[in-house]
Amino acid sequence: MSRTKAKHEIRGETLKKELEDQGIQIRAGSLTGLAEEAPAAYKDVDMVVETVCAVGIAAQSRRGLKPVAVIKG
């Protein structure tokens, strides 16, 4: 899903609650703006890492990072 599509399809209030339930702190200027930062608006990070490693433009060094905050302003 694109960020534009996420902005139209994802409710900021719902996303904020879901992320806070996961222990992620949220600070956003608007809930519409927050919606375009929804996890669904981004490519799967594992697929991106696999692709860039496969073509030789990067090497994987870490795994298991966890988001702790979203700042959108």
N, C-alpha and C. Protein backbone atom coordinates (compact mmCIF):
# COMPACT_ATOMS: atom_id res chain seq x y z
N MET A 1 0.85 -1.17 0.00
CA MET A 1 0.00 0.00 0.00
C MET A 1 0.90 1.24 0.00
N SER A 2 0.53 2.24 -0.74
CA SER A 2 1.29 3.48 -0.76
C SER A 2 0.93 4.34 0.45
N ARG A 3 1.77 5.33 0.72
CA ARG A 3 1.47 6.24 1.82
C ARG A 3 0.20 7.02 1.55
N THR A 4 -0.03 7.42 0.28
CA THR A 4 -1.25 8.15 -0.07
C THR A 4 -2.48 7.28 0.18
N LYS A 5 -2.40 6.02 -0.25
CA LYS A 5 -3.52 5.11 -0.05
C LYS A 5 -3.75 4.88 1.44
N ALA A 6 -2.69 4.73 2.21
CA ALA A 6 -2.81 4.53 3.65
C ALA A 6 -3.51 5.72 4.30
N LYS A 7 -3.16 6.91 3.84
CA LYS A 7 -3.77 8.13 4.39
C LYS A 7 -5.27 8.14 4.20
N HIS A 8 -5.74 7.53 3.11
CA HIS A 8 -7.18 7.50 2.82
C HIS A 8 -7.89 6.30 3.42
N GLU A 9 -7.16 5.21 3.65
CA GLU A 9 -7.80 3.98 4.10
C GLU A 9 -7.63 3.65 5.58
N ILE A 10 -6.62 4.22 6.20
CA ILE A 10 -6.35 3.89 7.61
C ILE A 10 -6.78 5.04 8.49
N ARG A 11 -7.53 4.71 9.53
CA ARG A 11 -7.97 5.73 10.47
C ARG A 11 -6.86 5.97 11.50
N GLY A 12 -6.45 7.22 11.61
CA GLY A 12 -5.37 7.58 12.52
C GLY A 12 -5.66 7.21 13.96
N GLU A 13 -6.91 7.38 14.38
CA GLU A 13 -7.28 7.06 15.76
C GLU A 13 -7.06 5.58 16.06
N THR A 14 -7.47 4.74 15.09
CA THR A 14 -7.33 3.30 15.25
C THR A 14 -5.86 2.90 15.27
N LEU A 15 -5.08 3.46 14.35
CA LEU A 15 -3.66 3.16 14.29
C LEU A 15 -2.96 3.58 15.58
N LYS A 16 -3.28 4.76 16.07
CA LYS A 16 -2.67 5.25 17.32
C LYS A 16 -2.93 4.28 18.46
N LYS A 17 -4.15 3.83 18.58
CA LYS A 17 -4.51 2.87 19.65
C LYS A 17 -3.76 1.56 19.48
N GLU A 18 -3.70 1.05 18.24
CA GLU A 18 -3.01 -0.22 17.98
C GLU A 18 -1.52 -0.13 18.34
N LEU A 19 -0.88 0.97 17.94
CA LEU A 19 0.54 1.13 18.23
C LEU A 19 0.79 1.32 19.73
N GLU A 20 -0.06 2.10 20.38
CA GLU A 20 0.08 2.29 21.82
C GLU A 20 -0.13 0.99 22.58
N ASP A 21 -1.04 0.14 22.10
CA ASP A 21 -1.26 -1.17 22.72
C ASP A 21 -0.02 -2.06 22.61
N GLN A 22 0.85 -1.77 21.62
CA GLN A 22 2.10 -2.50 21.46
C GLN A 22 3.24 -1.85 22.23
N GLY A 23 2.93 -0.78 22.98
CA GLY A 23 3.94 -0.10 23.77
C GLY A 23 4.72 0.95 23.01
N ILE A 24 4.23 1.36 21.83
CA ILE A 24 4.91 2.36 21.02
C ILE A 24 4.32 3.73 21.33
N GLN A 25 5.17 4.68 21.69
CA GLN A 25 4.73 6.03 22.00
C GLN A 25 4.43 6.79 20.72
N ILE A 26 3.36 7.58 20.69
CA ILE A 26 2.93 8.30 19.50
C ILE A 26 2.87 9.80 19.79
N ARG A 27 3.47 10.59 18.91
CA ARG A 27 3.33 12.04 18.93
C ARG A 27 3.15 12.46 17.48
N ALA A 28 2.00 12.97 17.12
CA ALA A 28 1.73 13.35 15.73
C ALA A 28 0.98 14.67 15.68
N GLY A 29 1.31 15.47 14.68
CA GLY A 29 0.63 16.74 14.49
C GLY A 29 -0.82 16.55 14.10
N SER A 30 -1.10 15.45 13.38
CA SER A 30 -2.47 15.13 13.01
C SER A 30 -2.61 13.62 12.87
N LEU A 31 -3.80 13.12 13.08
CA LEU A 31 -4.03 11.68 12.95
C LEU A 31 -4.04 11.26 11.48
N THR A 32 -4.39 12.18 10.57
CA THR A 32 -4.32 11.87 9.15
C THR A 32 -2.85 11.68 8.75
N GLY A 33 -2.00 12.56 9.24
CA GLY A 33 -0.57 12.44 8.97
C GLY A 33 0.00 11.17 9.55
N LEU A 34 -0.47 10.77 10.71
CA LEU A 34 -0.02 9.52 11.33
C LEU A 34 -0.40 8.33 10.46
N ALA A 35 -1.58 8.36 9.86
CA ALA A 35 -2.05 7.23 9.04
C ALA A 35 -1.11 6.94 7.88
N GLU A 36 -0.49 7.99 7.29
CA GLU A 36 0.41 7.74 6.17
C GLU A 36 1.73 7.12 6.62
N GLU A 37 1.96 7.06 7.92
CA GLU A 37 3.16 6.42 8.46
C GLU A 37 2.84 5.02 8.99
N ALA A 38 1.66 4.51 8.70
CA ALA A 38 1.25 3.18 9.17
C ALA A 38 2.21 2.11 8.67
N PRO A 39 2.46 1.09 9.47
CA PRO A 39 3.34 0.00 9.03
C PRO A 39 2.92 -0.58 7.68
N ALA A 40 1.63 -0.62 7.39
CA ALA A 40 1.14 -1.17 6.12
C ALA A 40 1.56 -0.33 4.92
N ALA A 41 1.98 0.92 5.15
CA ALA A 41 2.38 1.80 4.06
C ALA A 41 3.84 1.59 3.64
N TYR A 42 4.51 0.69 4.30
CA TYR A 42 5.93 0.44 4.02
C TYR A 42 6.15 -0.97 3.49
N LYS A 43 7.21 -1.13 2.72
CA LYS A 43 7.58 -2.45 2.22
C LYS A 43 8.02 -3.31 3.39
N ASP A 44 7.91 -4.61 3.24
CA ASP A 44 8.37 -5.57 4.24
C ASP A 44 9.89 -5.44 4.35
N VAL A 45 10.38 -5.08 5.52
CA VAL A 45 11.82 -4.82 5.70
C VAL A 45 12.66 -6.06 5.42
N ASP A 46 12.14 -7.24 5.74
CA ASP A 46 12.90 -8.47 5.46
C ASP A 46 13.10 -8.67 3.96
N MET A 47 12.07 -8.35 3.18
CA MET A 47 12.18 -8.48 1.72
C MET A 47 13.17 -7.45 1.16
N VAL A 48 13.14 -6.24 1.69
CA VAL A 48 14.06 -5.19 1.24
C VAL A 48 15.50 -5.59 1.54
N VAL A 49 15.76 -6.05 2.76
CA VAL A 49 17.11 -6.46 3.14
C VAL A 49 17.58 -7.62 2.27
N GLU A 50 16.72 -8.60 2.08
CA GLU A 50 17.06 -9.75 1.24
C GLU A 50 17.42 -9.31 -0.18
N THR A 51 16.65 -8.39 -0.72
CA THR A 51 16.88 -7.92 -2.09
C THR A 51 18.19 -7.16 -2.21
N VAL A 52 18.44 -6.20 -1.32
CA VAL A 52 19.66 -5.41 -1.44
C VAL A 52 20.90 -6.25 -1.16
N CYS A 53 20.79 -7.24 -0.30
CA CYS A 53 21.91 -8.15 -0.05
C CYS A 53 22.16 -9.03 -1.28
N ALA A 54 21.08 -9.50 -1.90
CA ALA A 54 21.19 -10.38 -3.06
C ALA A 54 21.86 -9.69 -4.25
N VAL A 55 21.62 -8.39 -4.43
CA VAL A 55 22.24 -7.68 -5.55
C VAL A 55 23.59 -7.07 -5.18
N GLY A 56 23.99 -7.24 -3.93
CA GLY A 56 25.33 -6.83 -3.51
C GLY A 56 25.51 -5.37 -3.17
N ILE A 57 24.43 -4.66 -2.87
CA ILE A 57 24.59 -3.24 -2.52
C ILE A 57 24.58 -3.00 -1.01
N ALA A 58 24.37 -4.07 -0.24
CA ALA A 58 24.39 -3.96 1.22
C ALA A 58 24.62 -5.34 1.81
N ALA A 59 24.99 -5.34 3.09
CA ALA A 59 25.15 -6.59 3.82
C ALA A 59 24.36 -6.48 5.12
N GLN A 60 23.69 -7.54 5.49
CA GLN A 60 22.90 -7.53 6.72
C GLN A 60 23.83 -7.57 7.91
N SER A 61 23.58 -6.71 8.90
CA SER A 61 24.43 -6.69 10.08
C SER A 61 23.66 -6.89 11.39
N ARG A 62 22.41 -6.53 11.42
CA ARG A 62 21.60 -6.66 12.64
C ARG A 62 20.20 -7.14 12.30
N ARG A 63 19.56 -7.70 13.30
CA ARG A 63 18.18 -8.13 13.16
C ARG A 63 17.51 -7.99 14.52
N GLY A 64 16.22 -7.79 14.51
CA GLY A 64 15.47 -7.76 15.76
C GLY A 64 15.26 -6.39 16.36
N LEU A 65 15.41 -5.34 15.57
CA LEU A 65 15.13 -4.01 16.09
C LEU A 65 13.63 -3.86 16.28
N LYS A 66 13.25 -3.09 17.28
CA LYS A 66 11.83 -2.92 17.60
C LYS A 66 11.52 -1.43 17.70
N PRO A 67 10.44 -0.97 17.05
CA PRO A 67 10.10 0.46 17.16
C PRO A 67 9.67 0.80 18.58
N VAL A 68 10.08 1.97 19.04
CA VAL A 68 9.70 2.42 20.38
C VAL A 68 8.95 3.74 20.34
N ALA A 69 9.01 4.43 19.18
CA ALA A 69 8.35 5.73 19.09
C ALA A 69 8.05 6.07 17.64
N VAL A 70 7.00 6.88 17.45
CA VAL A 70 6.67 7.45 16.15
C VAL A 70 6.55 8.94 16.37
N ILE A 71 7.34 9.71 15.61
CA ILE A 71 7.23 11.17 15.68
C ILE A 71 6.89 11.65 14.28
N LYS A 72 5.77 12.29 14.15
CA LYS A 72 5.31 12.78 12.85
C LYS A 72 4.86 14.21 13.06
N GLY A 73 5.47 15.14 12.36
CA GLY A 73 5.09 16.52 12.61
C GLY A 73 5.17 17.42 11.45
